[in-house]
Amino acid sequence: MESANKTHRVEFYEVEDIALKMEDHNKQLEEWDKVYNTIRPHQSLDYQTPAEYYQAWLNTHPQPTASLM
């Protein structure tokens, strides 16, 4: 968690012009989260995005299907 907090601070709060209105700030943060999770590679995930890592995990861990009784 500390790493995530540092990343948010260094890559978002120290770089972006943060909106003063909370609604606008939340929109900015949501957009940054999309980049963080779908575009930005993560060293700890072998340079994959979290979305890529999760998809690879799903591909190797079949999910149970619901039974229609």
C-alpha atoms as a PDB file:
ATOM      1  CA  MET A   1       0.000   0.000   0.000  1.00  0.00           C
ATOM      2  CA  GLU A   2       2.827   2.393   0.763  1.00  0.00           C
ATOM      3  CA  SER A   3       4.155   1.896  -2.757  1.00  0.00           C
ATOM      4  CA  ALA A   4       0.753   2.756  -4.230  1.00  0.00           C
ATOM      5  CA  ASN A   5       0.521   5.881  -2.092  1.00  0.00           C
ATOM      6  CA  LYS A   6       3.983   6.972  -3.214  1.00  0.00           C
ATOM      7  CA  THR A   7       3.092   6.300  -6.856  1.00  0.00           C
ATOM      8  CA  HIS A   8      -0.099   8.351  -6.579  1.00  0.00           C
ATOM      9  CA  ARG A   9       1.807  11.204  -4.970  1.00  0.00           C
ATOM     10  CA  VAL A  10       4.756  11.179  -7.382  1.00  0.00           C
ATOM     11  CA  GLU A  11       2.894  10.450 -10.619  1.00  0.00           C
ATOM     12  CA  PHE A  12      -0.368  12.267 -10.017  1.00  0.00           C
ATOM     13  CA  TYR A  13      -0.354  14.884  -7.266  1.00  0.00           C
ATOM     14  CA  GLU A  14       3.146  16.235  -7.969  1.00  0.00           C
ATOM     15  CA  VAL A  15       2.635  16.342 -11.755  1.00  0.00           C
ATOM     16  CA  GLU A  16      -0.987  17.233 -12.450  1.00  0.00           C
ATOM     17  CA  ASP A  17      -2.679  20.587 -11.994  1.00  0.00           C
ATOM     18  CA  ILE A  18      -5.209  19.407  -9.449  1.00  0.00           C
ATOM     19  CA  ALA A  19      -8.717  20.812  -9.787  1.00  0.00           C
ATOM     20  CA  LEU A  20     -10.013  22.736  -6.807  1.00  0.00           C
ATOM     21  CA  LYS A  21     -13.538  21.359  -7.022  1.00  0.00           C
ATOM     22  CA  MET A  22     -13.839  17.851  -5.580  1.00  0.00           C
ATOM     23  CA  GLU A  23     -15.996  16.646  -8.493  1.00  0.00           C
ATOM     24  CA  ASP A  24     -13.366  17.739 -11.026  1.00  0.00           C
ATOM     25  CA  HIS A  25     -10.546  16.341  -8.881  1.00  0.00           C
ATOM     26  CA  ASN A  26     -12.295  12.952  -8.750  1.00  0.00           C
ATOM     27  CA  LYS A  27     -12.679  12.945 -12.552  1.00  0.00           C
ATOM     28  CA  GLN A  28      -8.961  13.663 -12.928  1.00  0.00           C
ATOM     29  CA  LEU A  29      -8.109  10.871 -10.529  1.00  0.00           C
ATOM     30  CA  GLU A  30     -10.412   8.413 -12.328  1.00  0.00           C
ATOM     31  CA  GLU A  31      -8.706   9.200 -15.639  1.00  0.00           C
ATOM     32  CA  TRP A  32      -5.273   8.743 -14.074  1.00  0.00           C
ATOM     33  CA  ASP A  33      -6.370   5.423 -12.561  1.00  0.00           C
ATOM     34  CA  LYS A  34      -7.385   4.225 -16.043  1.00  0.00           C
ATOM     35  CA  VAL A  35      -3.895   5.018 -17.332  1.00  0.00           C
ATOM     36  CA  TYR A  36      -2.287   3.455 -14.250  1.00  0.00           C
ATOM     37  CA  ASN A  37      -4.233   0.211 -14.638  1.00  0.00           C
ATOM     38  CA  THR A  38      -4.440  -0.186 -18.426  1.00  0.00           C
ATOM     39  CA  ILE A  39      -1.526   1.674 -20.042  1.00  0.00           C
ATOM     40  CA  ARG A  40       1.331   2.065 -17.548  1.00  0.00           C
ATOM     41  CA  PRO A  41       3.491  -1.083 -17.188  1.00  0.00           C
ATOM     42  CA  HIS A  42       4.430  -2.108 -13.652  1.00  0.00           C
ATOM     43  CA  GLN A  43       7.849  -3.459 -12.765  1.00  0.00           C
ATOM     44  CA  SER A  44       6.378  -5.712 -10.085  1.00  0.00           C
ATOM     45  CA  LEU A  45       4.104  -7.325 -12.703  1.00  0.00           C
ATOM     46  CA  ASP A  46       6.983  -8.141 -15.061  1.00  0.00           C
ATOM     47  CA  TYR A  47       6.336  -4.922 -16.992  1.00  0.00           C
ATOM     48  CA  GLN A  48       2.702  -5.687 -17.732  1.00  0.00           C
ATOM     49  CA  THR A  49      -0.220  -3.450 -16.923  1.00  0.00           C
ATOM     50  CA  PRO A  50      -2.502  -4.657 -14.121  1.00  0.00           C
ATOM     51  CA  ALA A  51      -5.189  -5.286 -16.755  1.00  0.00           C
ATOM     52  CA  GLU A  52      -2.803  -7.462 -18.809  1.00  0.00           C
ATOM     53  CA  TYR A  53      -1.639  -9.310 -15.713  1.00  0.00           C
ATOM     54  CA  TYR A  54      -5.219 -10.003 -14.625  1.00  0.00           C
ATOM     55  CA  GLN A  55      -6.201 -11.219 -18.097  1.00  0.00           C
ATOM     56  CA  ALA A  56      -3.208 -13.583 -18.177  1.00  0.00           C
ATOM     57  CA  TRP A  57      -4.190 -14.857 -14.731  1.00  0.00           C
ATOM     58  CA  LEU A  58      -7.758 -15.499 -15.911  1.00  0.00           C
ATOM     59  CA  ASN A  59      -6.433 -17.389 -18.920  1.00  0.00           C
ATOM     60  CA  THR A  60      -4.459 -19.749 -16.670  1.00  0.00           C
ATOM     61  CA  HIS A  61      -7.104 -20.104 -13.944  1.00  0.00           C
ATOM     62  CA  PRO A  62     -10.395 -21.304 -15.490  1.00  0.00           C
ATOM     63  CA  GLN A  63     -13.415 -19.966 -13.706  1.00  0.00           C
ATOM     64  CA  PRO A  64     -16.219 -22.310 -12.651  1.00  0.00           C
ATOM     65  CA  THR A  65     -19.405 -22.011 -14.670  1.00  0.00           C
ATOM     66  CA  ALA A  66     -22.836 -21.816 -13.123  1.00  0.00           C
ATOM     67  CA  SER A  67     -24.843 -24.976 -13.335  1.00  0.00           C
ATOM     68  CA  LEU A  68     -28.301 -24.644 -14.866  1.00  0.00           C
ATOM     69  CA  MET A  69     -30.383 -27.181 -12.927  1.00  0.00           C
END
